[in-house]
Amino acid sequence: MAERPVLQVRNVSISYLARRGRVRAVSDVSFDLHEGETLALIGESGCGKSTLNLGLIRQLPANATIDSGSILYTRRDGQIVDVLKLRPQELRRFLWSEVSMVFQGALNALNPVLRVSDVVYDTASAHGMPRAEAKRRALDLFARVRLDPERVFNAYPHELSGGMRQRVLLAISLLLRPQIVLMDEPTTAVDILTQRSILDVLEKLRDELNFSVIFVSHDLAVAAEIADTVATMYAGKIVEHGPVNDVFYRPRHAYTLSLLNAAPRLSAGAEELASIPGSPPDLIQPPPGCKFHPRCRFASDLCRDKEPELVSKEAGHLVACHHSDEVLATSREVRA
């Protein structure tokens, strides 16, 4: 993996305006995404993963605002672009050509009255690509994602299975050769065999085309297989961030450890899963201190009074937990 960051996110906070007040969906999030890297964002529903992804490309709903922070993107020629300062026409050119997205609910993302070819041509036309070049690229990408190119190119969405539509969307997201692809739960609504096929295709395409991926998932097994680095999100904050093997085999945050203990394992036999007690916090009136402390077995008075900062514990492994050493010792015992 190259050292050059293609995306630098610094202190980004995003909120939604609701009747009860402001929902602090993302709070002070910072990370780098490097060339060719796959970063997995994991956590429970409502922790801010999808909001962060939409914020990175400024496609948030009308009641959401990016309250603070910066999002810096580095083009292939080395030019640095401040995404939050792009004017509407600049943002239109930026999307799909530099950063594209495979949205959550991807099975419904294709217009049912348009052929796949219409979607390809519309996307290409918005960026000044000739129709012939767009078709050539689309057919090549459809073949790469293991589809019958000519049949799929002329098909309506209802003529394709769920797995085929997922792969069509993946191919179209790469039509303009973006550097970054954002993927929001792309394998949620498909069966395990189709999921396996999509992951294989994604990994092969990433190696061939050298793009970076931010992969949102609540499925830890998928994240472990596809990611180079993992960021655990809780209550809108990144609470742990590091190389995939470090985070999954040497977790240092109590929430990451709880997620891992709650995930089924093939080697576990009839062993009961350890569910996480309680519910995620109210993001309008979150608890003081560490947001996870009401549900944490390691919680102390310090956790209730002071919110931990995200600090480096090992090379490239960041954690925001007052009891990270104790969590690490416990994780070793569990896996021993």
C-alpha atoms as a PDB file:
ATOM      1  CA  MET A   1       0.000   0.000   0.000  1.00  0.00           C
ATOM      2  CA  ALA A   2       1.399   3.401  -1.013  1.00  0.00           C
ATOM      3  CA  GLU A   3       2.097   6.151   1.502  1.00  0.00           C
ATOM      4  CA  ARG A   4       0.324   8.888  -0.449  1.00  0.00           C
ATOM      5  CA  PRO A   5      -3.068   9.722   1.124  1.00  0.00           C
ATOM      6  CA  VAL A   6      -5.767  10.279  -1.489  1.00  0.00           C
ATOM      7  CA  LEU A   7      -8.194  11.510   1.165  1.00  0.00           C
ATOM      8  CA  GLN A   8      -7.467  13.399   4.369  1.00  0.00           C
ATOM      9  CA  VAL A   9     -10.453  13.812   6.694  1.00  0.00           C
ATOM     10  CA  ARG A  10      -9.887  16.123   9.645  1.00  0.00           C
ATOM     11  CA  ASN A  11     -12.217  16.813  12.590  1.00  0.00           C
ATOM     12  CA  VAL A  12     -15.422  16.377  10.596  1.00  0.00           C
ATOM     13  CA  SER A  13     -18.691  16.795  12.517  1.00  0.00           C
ATOM     14  CA  ILE A  14     -22.131  16.326  10.953  1.00  0.00           C
ATOM     15  CA  SER A  15     -25.550  16.900  12.526  1.00  0.00           C
ATOM     16  CA  TYR A  16     -29.210  16.575  11.578  1.00  0.00           C
ATOM     17  CA  LEU A  17     -31.899  19.064  12.601  1.00  0.00           C
ATOM     18  CA  ALA A  18     -34.743  17.174  14.300  1.00  0.00           C
ATOM     19  CA  ARG A  19     -37.796  18.322  16.272  1.00  0.00           C
ATOM     20  CA  ARG A  20     -36.101  17.601  19.603  1.00  0.00           C
ATOM     21  CA  GLY A  21     -32.871  19.340  18.640  1.00  0.00           C
ATOM     22  CA  ARG A  22     -29.642  18.593  16.773  1.00  0.00           C
ATOM     23  CA  VAL A  23     -28.657  14.956  16.274  1.00  0.00           C
ATOM     24  CA  ARG A  24     -24.841  14.793  16.474  1.00  0.00           C
ATOM     25  CA  ALA A  25     -24.491  11.971  13.959  1.00  0.00           C
ATOM     26  CA  VAL A  26     -20.736  12.354  13.340  1.00  0.00           C
ATOM     27  CA  SER A  27     -18.406  13.973  15.879  1.00  0.00           C
ATOM     28  CA  ASP A  28     -14.824  15.096  15.264  1.00  0.00           C
ATOM     29  CA  VAL A  29     -13.858  12.264  12.879  1.00  0.00           C
ATOM     30  CA  SER A  30     -10.345  12.207  11.389  1.00  0.00           C
ATOM     31  CA  PHE A  31      -8.555   9.634   9.219  1.00  0.00           C
ATOM     32  CA  ASP A  32      -6.407   9.205   6.102  1.00  0.00           C
ATOM     33  CA  LEU A  33      -7.230   6.960   3.156  1.00  0.00           C
ATOM     34  CA  HIS A  34      -4.197   5.888   1.132  1.00  0.00           C
ATOM     35  CA  GLU A  35      -3.813   4.899  -2.497  1.00  0.00           C
ATOM     36  CA  GLY A  36      -5.066   1.339  -3.087  1.00  0.00           C
ATOM     37  CA  GLU A  37      -6.265   0.954   0.523  1.00  0.00           C
ATOM     38  CA  THR A  38      -9.584  -0.488   1.661  1.00  0.00           C
ATOM     39  CA  LEU A  39     -10.858   1.025   4.908  1.00  0.00           C
ATOM     40  CA  ALA A  40     -13.804  -0.713   6.585  1.00  0.00           C
ATOM     41  CA  LEU A  41     -16.115   1.295   8.847  1.00  0.00           C
ATOM     42  CA  ILE A  42     -17.818  -1.032  11.325  1.00  0.00           C
ATOM     43  CA  GLY A  43     -20.351  -0.550  14.096  1.00  0.00           C
ATOM     44  CA  GLU A  44     -24.024  -0.895  14.984  1.00  0.00           C
ATOM     45  CA  SER A  45     -26.808   0.729  12.979  1.00  0.00           C
ATOM     46  CA  GLY A  46     -27.059   4.433  13.753  1.00  0.00           C
ATOM     47  CA  CYS A  47     -23.398   4.905  14.703  1.00  0.00           C
ATOM     48  CA  GLY A  48     -22.748   7.366  11.848  1.00  0.00           C
ATOM     49  CA  LYS A  49     -21.127   5.185   9.160  1.00  0.00           C
ATOM     50  CA  SER A  50     -23.489   6.030   6.293  1.00  0.00           C
ATOM     51  CA  THR A  51     -23.755   9.687   7.322  1.00  0.00           C
ATOM     52  CA  LEU A  52     -19.966   9.988   7.203  1.00  0.00           C
ATOM     53  CA  ASN A  53     -19.849   8.392   3.740  1.00  0.00           C
ATOM     54  CA  LEU A  54     -22.520  10.752   2.398  1.00  0.00           C
ATOM     55  CA  GLY A  55     -20.794  13.718   4.007  1.00  0.00           C
ATOM     56  CA  LEU A  56     -17.527  12.897   2.228  1.00  0.00           C
ATOM     57  CA  ILE A  57     -19.229  13.540  -1.131  1.00  0.00           C
ATOM     58  CA  ARG A  58     -21.626  16.234   0.131  1.00  0.00           C
ATOM     59  CA  GLN A  59     -24.757  14.224  -0.647  1.00  0.00           C
ATOM     60  CA  LEU A  60     -26.413  14.615   2.749  1.00  0.00           C
ATOM     61  CA  PRO A  61     -30.175  15.256   3.049  1.00  0.00           C
ATOM     62  CA  ALA A  62     -31.461  18.810   3.382  1.00  0.00           C
ATOM     63  CA  ASN A  63     -31.775  18.684   7.178  1.00  0.00           C
ATOM     64  CA  ALA A  64     -28.098  17.746   7.636  1.00  0.00           C
ATOM     65  CA  THR A  65     -25.110  20.066   7.871  1.00  0.00           C
ATOM     66  CA  ILE A  66     -21.356  19.585   8.031  1.00  0.00           C
ATOM     67  CA  ASP A  67     -20.663  21.682  11.123  1.00  0.00           C
ATOM     68  CA  SER A  68     -16.870  21.628  11.103  1.00  0.00           C
ATOM     69  CA  GLY A  69     -13.754  19.993   9.692  1.00  0.00           C
ATOM     70  CA  SER A  70     -12.056  19.588   6.336  1.00  0.00           C
ATOM     71  CA  ILE A  71     -12.055  16.961   3.573  1.00  0.00           C
ATOM     72  CA  LEU A  72      -8.980  17.147   1.344  1.00  0.00           C
ATOM     73  CA  TYR A  73      -8.717  15.032  -1.793  1.00  0.00           C
ATOM     74  CA  THR A  74      -5.466  14.548  -3.755  1.00  0.00           C
ATOM     75  CA  ARG A  75      -5.833  14.136  -7.510  1.00  0.00           C
ATOM     76  CA  ARG A  76      -3.556  11.847  -9.504  1.00  0.00           C
ATOM     77  CA  ASP A  77      -1.541  14.873 -10.654  1.00  0.00           C
ATOM     78  CA  GLY A  78      -0.886  15.845  -7.024  1.00  0.00           C
ATOM     79  CA  GLN A  79      -3.359  18.751  -6.889  1.00  0.00           C
ATOM     80  CA  ILE A  80      -5.169  18.953  -3.540  1.00  0.00           C
ATOM     81  CA  VAL A  81      -8.913  19.715  -3.630  1.00  0.00           C
ATOM     82  CA  ASP A  82     -10.927  20.963  -0.646  1.00  0.00           C
ATOM     83  CA  VAL A  83     -14.179  19.031  -1.164  1.00  0.00           C
ATOM     84  CA  LEU A  84     -16.156  21.305   1.167  1.00  0.00           C
ATOM     85  CA  LYS A  85     -15.272  24.363  -0.937  1.00  0.00           C
ATOM     86  CA  LEU A  86     -16.239  22.945  -4.343  1.00  0.00           C
ATOM     87  CA  ARG A  87     -18.921  24.955  -6.150  1.00  0.00           C
ATOM     88  CA  PRO A  88     -21.968  23.027  -7.499  1.00  0.00           C
ATOM     89  CA  GLN A  89     -20.569  22.593 -11.017  1.00  0.00           C
ATOM     90  CA  GLU A  90     -17.163  21.597  -9.668  1.00  0.00           C
ATOM     91  CA  LEU A  91     -18.797  19.088  -7.328  1.00  0.00           C
ATOM     92  CA  ARG A  92     -20.783  17.644 -10.241  1.00  0.00           C
ATOM     93  CA  ARG A  93     -17.542  17.045 -12.191  1.00  0.00           C
ATOM     94  CA  PHE A  94     -15.822  15.701  -9.065  1.00  0.00           C
ATOM     95  CA  LEU A  95     -18.442  13.024  -8.368  1.00  0.00           C
ATOM     96  CA  TRP A  96     -18.041   9.764 -10.327  1.00  0.00           C
ATOM     97  CA  SER A  97     -14.842  10.930 -12.035  1.00  0.00           C
ATOM     98  CA  GLU A  98     -12.827  11.246  -8.790  1.00  0.00           C
ATOM     99  CA  VAL A  99     -15.046   9.653  -6.120  1.00  0.00           C
ATOM    100  CA  SER A 100     -18.036   7.382  -6.775  1.00  0.00           C
ATOM    101  CA  MET A 101     -20.466   5.568  -4.503  1.00  0.00           C
ATOM    102  CA  VAL A 102     -22.405   2.307  -4.406  1.00  0.00           C
ATOM    103  CA  PHE A 103     -25.346   3.276  -2.224  1.00  0.00           C
ATOM    104  CA  GLN A 104     -27.079   1.353   0.530  1.00  0.00           C
ATOM    105  CA  GLY A 105     -30.197  -0.312  -0.872  1.00  0.00           C
ATOM    106  CA  ALA A 106     -28.337  -0.779  -4.146  1.00  0.00           C
ATOM    107  CA  LEU A 107     -30.941  -3.238  -5.466  1.00  0.00           C
ATOM    108  CA  ASN A 108     -33.327  -0.292  -5.844  1.00  0.00           C
ATOM    109  CA  ALA A 109     -30.750   2.229  -7.068  1.00  0.00           C
ATOM    110  CA  LEU A 110     -31.384   1.598 -10.791  1.00  0.00           C
ATOM    111  CA  ASN A 111     -34.315   3.391 -12.428  1.00  0.00           C
ATOM    112  CA  PRO A 112     -36.841   0.661 -13.365  1.00  0.00           C
ATOM    113  CA  VAL A 113     -37.885   2.412 -16.613  1.00  0.00           C
ATOM    114  CA  LEU A 114     -34.343   2.929 -17.921  1.00  0.00           C
ATOM    115  CA  ARG A 115     -32.130   0.334 -19.543  1.00  0.00           C
ATOM    116  CA  VAL A 116     -28.658  -0.153 -18.103  1.00  0.00           C
ATOM    117  CA  SER A 117     -27.296   1.432 -21.275  1.00  0.00           C
ATOM    118  CA  ASP A 118     -29.257   4.620 -20.549  1.00  0.00           C
ATOM    119  CA  VAL A 119     -27.642   4.885 -17.107  1.00  0.00           C
ATOM    120  CA  VAL A 120     -24.199   4.370 -18.647  1.00  0.00           C
ATOM    121  CA  TYR A 121     -24.770   7.011 -21.340  1.00  0.00           C
ATOM    122  CA  ASP A 122     -26.260   9.534 -18.864  1.00  0.00           C
ATOM    123  CA  THR A 123     -23.272   9.167 -16.540  1.00  0.00           C
ATOM    124  CA  ALA A 124     -20.797   9.494 -19.400  1.00  0.00           C
ATOM    125  CA  SER A 125     -22.611  12.463 -20.968  1.00  0.00           C
ATOM    126  CA  ALA A 126     -22.495  14.422 -17.699  1.00  0.00           C
ATOM    127  CA  HIS A 127     -18.685  14.195 -17.842  1.00  0.00           C
ATOM    128  CA  GLY A 128     -18.155  14.727 -21.561  1.00  0.00           C
ATOM    129  CA  MET A 129     -17.284  11.130 -22.449  1.00  0.00           C
ATOM    130  CA  PRO A 130     -18.265  10.039 -25.995  1.00  0.00           C
ATOM    131  CA  ARG A 131     -20.980   7.365 -26.202  1.00  0.00           C
ATOM    132  CA  ALA A 132     -18.714   4.932 -28.035  1.00  0.00           C
ATOM    133  CA  GLU A 133     -16.043   5.172 -25.342  1.00  0.00           C
ATOM    134  CA  ALA A 134     -18.687   4.830 -22.614  1.00  0.00           C
ATOM    135  CA  LYS A 135     -20.069   1.656 -24.183  1.00  0.00           C
ATOM    136  CA  ARG A 136     -16.601   0.186 -24.677  1.00  0.00           C
ATOM    137  CA  ARG A 137     -15.688   0.808 -21.033  1.00  0.00           C
ATOM    138  CA  ALA A 138     -19.042  -0.465 -19.758  1.00  0.00           C
ATOM    139  CA  LEU A 139     -18.832  -3.721 -21.711  1.00  0.00           C
ATOM    140  CA  ASP A 140     -15.276  -4.249 -20.459  1.00  0.00           C
ATOM    141  CA  LEU A 141     -16.321  -3.630 -16.847  1.00  0.00           C
ATOM    142  CA  PHE A 142     -19.385  -5.892 -17.135  1.00  0.00           C
ATOM    143  CA  ALA A 143     -17.108  -8.676 -18.341  1.00  0.00           C
ATOM    144  CA  ARG A 144     -14.732  -8.018 -15.432  1.00  0.00           C
ATOM    145  CA  VAL A 145     -17.587  -8.389 -12.913  1.00  0.00           C
ATOM    146  CA  ARG A 146     -18.568 -11.711 -14.533  1.00  0.00           C
ATOM    147  CA  LEU A 147     -21.685 -10.611 -16.419  1.00  0.00           C
ATOM    148  CA  ASP A 148     -22.771 -11.199 -20.028  1.00  0.00           C
ATOM    149  CA  PRO A 149     -21.845  -7.718 -21.326  1.00  0.00           C
ATOM    150  CA  GLU A 150     -24.218  -7.333 -24.303  1.00  0.00           C
ATOM    151  CA  ARG A 151     -27.209  -8.846 -22.517  1.00  0.00           C
ATOM    152  CA  VAL A 152     -26.773  -6.723 -19.395  1.00  0.00           C
ATOM    153  CA  PHE A 153     -26.025  -3.522 -21.331  1.00  0.00           C
ATOM    154  CA  ASN A 154     -29.432  -3.650 -23.043  1.00  0.00           C
ATOM    155  CA  ALA A 155     -31.415  -4.982 -20.068  1.00  0.00           C
ATOM    156  CA  TYR A 156     -33.937  -3.321 -17.772  1.00  0.00           C
ATOM    157  CA  PRO A 157     -33.269  -3.742 -14.021  1.00  0.00           C
ATOM    158  CA  HIS A 158     -36.206  -6.147 -13.549  1.00  0.00           C
ATOM    159  CA  GLU A 159     -34.571  -8.513 -16.044  1.00  0.00           C
ATOM    160  CA  LEU A 160     -31.544  -8.926 -13.738  1.00  0.00           C
ATOM    161  CA  SER A 161     -31.184 -10.782 -10.458  1.00  0.00           C
ATOM    162  CA  GLY A 162     -30.204  -8.999  -7.254  1.00  0.00           C
ATOM    163  CA  GLY A 163     -26.595 -10.093  -7.495  1.00  0.00           C
ATOM    164  CA  MET A 164     -26.407  -9.003 -11.119  1.00  0.00           C
ATOM    165  CA  ARG A 165     -27.759  -5.546 -10.253  1.00  0.00           C
ATOM    166  CA  GLN A 166     -25.179  -5.226  -7.488  1.00  0.00           C
ATOM    167  CA  ARG A 167     -22.402  -6.005  -9.943  1.00  0.00           C
ATOM    168  CA  VAL A 168     -23.866  -3.616 -12.538  1.00  0.00           C
ATOM    169  CA  LEU A 169     -23.718  -0.804  -9.976  1.00  0.00           C
ATOM    170  CA  LEU A 170     -20.150  -1.713  -9.047  1.00  0.00           C
ATOM    171  CA  ALA A 171     -19.164  -1.631 -12.726  1.00  0.00           C
ATOM    172  CA  ILE A 172     -20.901   1.722 -13.352  1.00  0.00           C
ATOM    173  CA  SER A 173     -19.216   3.210 -10.268  1.00  0.00           C
ATOM    174  CA  LEU A 174     -15.878   2.500 -12.006  1.00  0.00           C
ATOM    175  CA  LEU A 175     -16.915   3.805 -15.435  1.00  0.00           C
ATOM    176  CA  LEU A 176     -14.975   7.082 -15.100  1.00  0.00           C
ATOM    177  CA  ARG A 177     -11.962   5.481 -13.357  1.00  0.00           C
ATOM    178  CA  PRO A 178     -12.362   7.201  -9.950  1.00  0.00           C
ATOM    179  CA  GLN A 179      -9.603   7.015  -7.339  1.00  0.00           C
ATOM    180  CA  ILE A 180     -12.047   6.301  -4.497  1.00  0.00           C
ATOM    181  CA  VAL A 181     -15.177   4.134  -4.339  1.00  0.00           C
ATOM    182  CA  LEU A 182     -17.483   4.465  -1.334  1.00  0.00           C
ATOM    183  CA  MET A 183     -19.496   1.307  -0.668  1.00  0.00           C
ATOM    184  CA  ASP A 184     -22.388   1.326   1.802  1.00  0.00           C
ATOM    185  CA  GLU A 185     -23.406  -2.208   2.826  1.00  0.00           C
ATOM    186  CA  PRO A 186     -23.064  -3.511  -0.767  1.00  0.00           C
ATOM    187  CA  THR A 187     -23.599  -7.172   0.148  1.00  0.00           C
ATOM    188  CA  THR A 188     -26.451  -6.857   2.676  1.00  0.00           C
ATOM    189  CA  ALA A 189     -29.390  -7.948   0.516  1.00  0.00           C
ATOM    190  CA  VAL A 190     -27.778 -10.850  -1.344  1.00  0.00           C
ATOM    191  CA  ASP A 191     -27.234 -14.517  -0.502  1.00  0.00           C
ATOM    192  CA  ILE A 192     -23.916 -15.847   0.750  1.00  0.00           C
ATOM    193  CA  LEU A 193     -22.774 -17.189  -2.645  1.00  0.00           C
ATOM    194  CA  THR A 194     -23.509 -13.894  -4.395  1.00  0.00           C
ATOM    195  CA  GLN A 195     -21.770 -12.062  -1.558  1.00  0.00           C
ATOM    196  CA  ARG A 196     -18.714 -14.257  -2.078  1.00  0.00           C
ATOM    197  CA  SER A 197     -18.736 -13.474  -5.809  1.00  0.00           C
ATOM    198  CA  ILE A 198     -19.063  -9.705  -5.256  1.00  0.00           C
ATOM    199  CA  LEU A 199     -16.177  -9.656  -2.768  1.00  0.00           C
ATOM    200  CA  ASP A 200     -13.954 -11.653  -5.127  1.00  0.00           C
ATOM    201  CA  VAL A 201     -14.766  -9.274  -8.001  1.00  0.00           C
ATOM    202  CA  LEU A 202     -14.190  -6.193  -5.849  1.00  0.00           C
ATOM    203  CA  GLU A 203     -10.803  -7.406  -4.661  1.00  0.00           C
ATOM    204  CA  LYS A 204      -9.691  -8.314  -8.179  1.00  0.00           C
ATOM    205  CA  LEU A 205     -10.837  -4.969  -9.621  1.00  0.00           C
ATOM    206  CA  ARG A 206      -9.098  -3.033  -6.860  1.00  0.00           C
ATOM    207  CA  ASP A 207      -5.825  -4.791  -7.639  1.00  0.00           C
ATOM    208  CA  GLU A 208      -6.198  -4.211 -11.397  1.00  0.00           C
ATOM    209  CA  LEU A 209      -7.421  -0.578 -11.325  1.00  0.00           C
ATOM    210  CA  ASN A 210      -5.705   0.545  -8.096  1.00  0.00           C
ATOM    211  CA  PHE A 211      -8.589   2.490  -6.546  1.00  0.00           C
ATOM    212  CA  SER A 212      -9.203   3.015  -2.833  1.00  0.00           C
ATOM    213  CA  VAL A 213     -12.339   1.866  -1.020  1.00  0.00           C
ATOM    214  CA  ILE A 214     -14.263   2.970   2.050  1.00  0.00           C
ATOM    215  CA  PHE A 215     -16.406  -0.047   2.861  1.00  0.00           C
ATOM    216  CA  VAL A 216     -19.289   0.411   5.318  1.00  0.00           C
ATOM    217  CA  SER A 217     -20.424  -2.831   6.933  1.00  0.00           C
ATOM    218  CA  HIS A 218     -21.930  -4.305  10.075  1.00  0.00           C
ATOM    219  CA  ASP A 219     -20.725  -7.754   8.970  1.00  0.00           C
ATOM    220  CA  LEU A 220     -17.379  -8.277  10.689  1.00  0.00           C
ATOM    221  CA  ALA A 221     -16.513 -11.342   8.603  1.00  0.00           C
ATOM    222  CA  VAL A 222     -16.864  -9.318   5.388  1.00  0.00           C
ATOM    223  CA  ALA A 223     -14.835  -6.443   6.837  1.00  0.00           C
ATOM    224  CA  ALA A 224     -12.090  -8.815   7.983  1.00  0.00           C
ATOM    225  CA  GLU A 225     -11.792 -10.310   4.512  1.00  0.00           C
ATOM    226  CA  ILE A 226     -11.897  -7.189   2.360  1.00  0.00           C
ATOM    227  CA  ALA A 227     -10.201  -4.497   4.480  1.00  0.00           C
ATOM    228  CA  ASP A 228      -6.607  -3.387   4.992  1.00  0.00           C
ATOM    229  CA  THR A 229      -7.556  -1.110   7.877  1.00  0.00           C
ATOM    230  CA  VAL A 230     -10.611  -0.965  10.133  1.00  0.00           C
ATOM    231  CA  ALA A 231     -12.253   1.921  11.970  1.00  0.00           C
ATOM    232  CA  THR A 232     -14.792   1.145  14.682  1.00  0.00           C
ATOM    233  CA  MET A 233     -17.481   3.823  15.055  1.00  0.00           C
ATOM    234  CA  TYR A 234     -19.657   4.370  18.108  1.00  0.00           C
ATOM    235  CA  ALA A 235     -22.070   7.257  18.716  1.00  0.00           C
ATOM    236  CA  GLY A 236     -20.679   9.193  15.773  1.00  0.00           C
ATOM    237  CA  LYS A 237     -16.999   8.896  16.732  1.00  0.00           C
ATOM    238  CA  ILE A 238     -14.142   6.674  15.616  1.00  0.00           C
ATOM    239  CA  VAL A 239     -13.144   4.860  18.806  1.00  0.00           C
ATOM    240  CA  GLU A 240     -10.557   2.483  17.322  1.00  0.00           C
ATOM    241  CA  HIS A 241      -8.606   2.558  14.066  1.00  0.00           C
ATOM    242  CA  GLY A 242      -5.801   0.344  12.852  1.00  0.00           C
ATOM    243  CA  PRO A 243      -4.628  -2.507  10.600  1.00  0.00           C
ATOM    244  CA  VAL A 244      -7.278  -5.175  10.206  1.00  0.00           C
ATOM    245  CA  ASN A 245      -5.314  -7.919  11.989  1.00  0.00           C
ATOM    246  CA  ASP A 246      -4.476  -5.660  14.930  1.00  0.00           C
ATOM    247  CA  VAL A 247      -8.061  -4.496  15.419  1.00  0.00           C
ATOM    248  CA  PHE A 248      -9.628  -7.946  15.066  1.00  0.00           C
ATOM    249  CA  TYR A 249      -7.010 -10.020  16.907  1.00  0.00           C
ATOM    250  CA  ARG A 250      -5.744  -7.408  19.370  1.00  0.00           C
ATOM    251  CA  PRO A 251      -8.735  -5.106  20.011  1.00  0.00           C
ATOM    252  CA  ARG A 252      -8.069  -2.332  22.507  1.00  0.00           C
ATOM    253  CA  HIS A 253     -11.510  -0.722  22.787  1.00  0.00           C
ATOM    254  CA  ALA A 254     -14.251  -2.340  24.851  1.00  0.00           C
ATOM    255  CA  TYR A 255     -16.819  -1.736  22.095  1.00  0.00           C
ATOM    256  CA  THR A 256     -14.701  -3.434  19.415  1.00  0.00           C
ATOM    257  CA  LEU A 257     -14.174  -6.382  21.752  1.00  0.00           C
ATOM    258  CA  SER A 258     -17.925  -6.552  22.408  1.00  0.00           C
ATOM    259  CA  LEU A 259     -18.679  -6.554  18.672  1.00  0.00           C
ATOM    260  CA  LEU A 260     -16.212  -9.385  18.098  1.00  0.00           C
ATOM    261  CA  ASN A 261     -17.626 -11.428  20.980  1.00  0.00           C
ATOM    262  CA  ALA A 262     -21.153 -10.942  19.618  1.00  0.00           C
ATOM    263  CA  ALA A 263     -20.238 -12.207  16.137  1.00  0.00           C
ATOM    264  CA  PRO A 264     -20.829 -15.909  15.325  1.00  0.00           C
ATOM    265  CA  ARG A 265     -17.740 -18.024  14.600  1.00  0.00           C
ATOM    266  CA  LEU A 266     -17.573 -21.294  12.709  1.00  0.00           C
ATOM    267  CA  SER A 267     -15.260 -22.723  15.371  1.00  0.00           C
ATOM    268  CA  ALA A 268     -17.550 -21.784  18.264  1.00  0.00           C
ATOM    269  CA  GLY A 269     -19.796 -24.854  18.055  1.00  0.00           C
ATOM    270  CA  ALA A 270     -22.819 -24.529  20.338  1.00  0.00           C
ATOM    271  CA  GLU A 271     -21.276 -21.676  22.306  1.00  0.00           C
ATOM    272  CA  GLU A 272     -23.718 -18.843  23.121  1.00  0.00           C
ATOM    273  CA  LEU A 273     -23.113 -15.433  21.615  1.00  0.00           C
ATOM    274  CA  ALA A 274     -22.337 -12.600  24.021  1.00  0.00           C
ATOM    275  CA  SER A 275     -24.777  -9.807  23.169  1.00  0.00           C
ATOM    276  CA  ILE A 276     -23.985  -6.187  23.998  1.00  0.00           C
ATOM    277  CA  PRO A 277     -26.293  -4.983  26.815  1.00  0.00           C
ATOM    278  CA  GLY A 278     -28.355  -1.825  26.470  1.00  0.00           C
ATOM    279  CA  SER A 279     -28.873   0.366  23.419  1.00  0.00           C
ATOM    280  CA  PRO A 280     -26.837   3.002  21.557  1.00  0.00           C
ATOM    281  CA  PRO A 281     -27.018   6.430  23.209  1.00  0.00           C
ATOM    282  CA  ASP A 282     -29.320   9.335  22.374  1.00  0.00           C
ATOM    283  CA  LEU A 283     -27.242  11.508  20.034  1.00  0.00           C
ATOM    284  CA  ILE A 284     -29.252  14.626  20.928  1.00  0.00           C
ATOM    285  CA  GLN A 285     -28.431  14.290  24.622  1.00  0.00           C
ATOM    286  CA  PRO A 286     -25.504  11.825  24.799  1.00  0.00           C
ATOM    287  CA  PRO A 287     -24.148  10.667  28.162  1.00  0.00           C
ATOM    288  CA  PRO A 288     -21.109  12.441  29.634  1.00  0.00           C
ATOM    289  CA  GLY A 289     -17.631  10.960  29.416  1.00  0.00           C
ATOM    290  CA  CYS A 290     -17.125   7.912  27.227  1.00  0.00           C
ATOM    291  CA  LYS A 291     -20.328   7.365  25.227  1.00  0.00           C
ATOM    292  CA  PHE A 292     -20.001   3.595  25.622  1.00  0.00           C
ATOM    293  CA  HIS A 293     -19.664   3.574  29.416  1.00  0.00           C
ATOM    294  CA  PRO A 294     -23.367   2.750  30.214  1.00  0.00           C
ATOM    295  CA  ARG A 295     -22.917  -0.542  28.314  1.00  0.00           C
ATOM    296  CA  CYS A 296     -19.283  -1.303  29.182  1.00  0.00           C
ATOM    297  CA  ARG A 297     -18.105  -3.893  31.693  1.00  0.00           C
ATOM    298  CA  PHE A 298     -14.773  -2.075  32.070  1.00  0.00           C
ATOM    299  CA  ALA A 299     -16.383   1.279  32.943  1.00  0.00           C
ATOM    300  CA  SER A 300     -15.003   3.273  35.873  1.00  0.00           C
ATOM    301  CA  ASP A 301     -15.626   6.713  37.355  1.00  0.00           C
ATOM    302  CA  LEU A 302     -13.015   8.090  34.967  1.00  0.00           C
ATOM    303  CA  CYS A 303     -15.044   6.791  32.007  1.00  0.00           C
ATOM    304  CA  ARG A 304     -18.192   8.465  33.327  1.00  0.00           C
ATOM    305  CA  ASP A 305     -16.494  11.817  33.858  1.00  0.00           C
ATOM    306  CA  LYS A 306     -13.957  12.219  31.036  1.00  0.00           C
ATOM    307  CA  GLU A 307     -14.250  11.393  27.357  1.00  0.00           C
ATOM    308  CA  PRO A 308     -11.100   9.551  26.180  1.00  0.00           C
ATOM    309  CA  GLU A 309      -9.068  10.951  23.281  1.00  0.00           C
ATOM    310  CA  LEU A 310      -8.071   8.899  20.244  1.00  0.00           C
ATOM    311  CA  VAL A 311      -4.384   8.170  20.861  1.00  0.00           C
ATOM    312  CA  SER A 312      -1.756   5.844  19.390  1.00  0.00           C
ATOM    313  CA  LYS A 313      -1.039   2.695  21.386  1.00  0.00           C
ATOM    314  CA  GLU A 314       1.003   0.870  18.773  1.00  0.00           C
ATOM    315  CA  ALA A 315       2.258   1.725  15.301  1.00  0.00           C
ATOM    316  CA  GLY A 316      -0.816   2.699  13.310  1.00  0.00           C
ATOM    317  CA  HIS A 317      -3.246   1.487  16.004  1.00  0.00           C
ATOM    318  CA  LEU A 318      -5.335   4.283  17.558  1.00  0.00           C
ATOM    319  CA  VAL A 319      -7.849   3.873  20.374  1.00  0.00           C
ATOM    320  CA  ALA A 320     -10.067   6.077  22.532  1.00  0.00           C
ATOM    321  CA  CYS A 321     -10.430   4.035  25.726  1.00  0.00           C
ATOM    322  CA  HIS A 322      -9.256   4.668  29.297  1.00  0.00           C
ATOM    323  CA  HIS A 323      -8.869   0.920  29.887  1.00  0.00           C
ATOM    324  CA  SER A 324      -7.329  -0.140  26.573  1.00  0.00           C
ATOM    325  CA  ASP A 325      -4.591  -2.235  28.231  1.00  0.00           C
ATOM    326  CA  GLU A 326      -7.164  -4.137  30.275  1.00  0.00           C
ATOM    327  CA  VAL A 327      -9.295  -4.686  27.157  1.00  0.00           C
ATOM    328  CA  LEU A 328      -6.261  -6.017  25.286  1.00  0.00           C
ATOM    329  CA  ALA A 329      -5.436  -8.436  28.113  1.00  0.00           C
ATOM    330  CA  THR A 330      -9.045  -9.678  28.158  1.00  0.00           C
ATOM    331  CA  SER A 331      -9.119 -10.118  24.381  1.00  0.00           C
ATOM    332  CA  ARG A 332      -6.008 -12.289  24.592  1.00  0.00           C
ATOM    333  CA  GLU A 333      -7.660 -14.465  27.233  1.00  0.00           C
ATOM    334  CA  VAL A 334     -10.803 -14.882  25.125  1.00  0.00           C
ATOM    335  CA  ARG A 335      -8.760 -15.999  22.098  1.00  0.00           C
ATOM    336  CA  ALA A 336      -6.305 -18.140  24.038  1.00  0.00           C
END
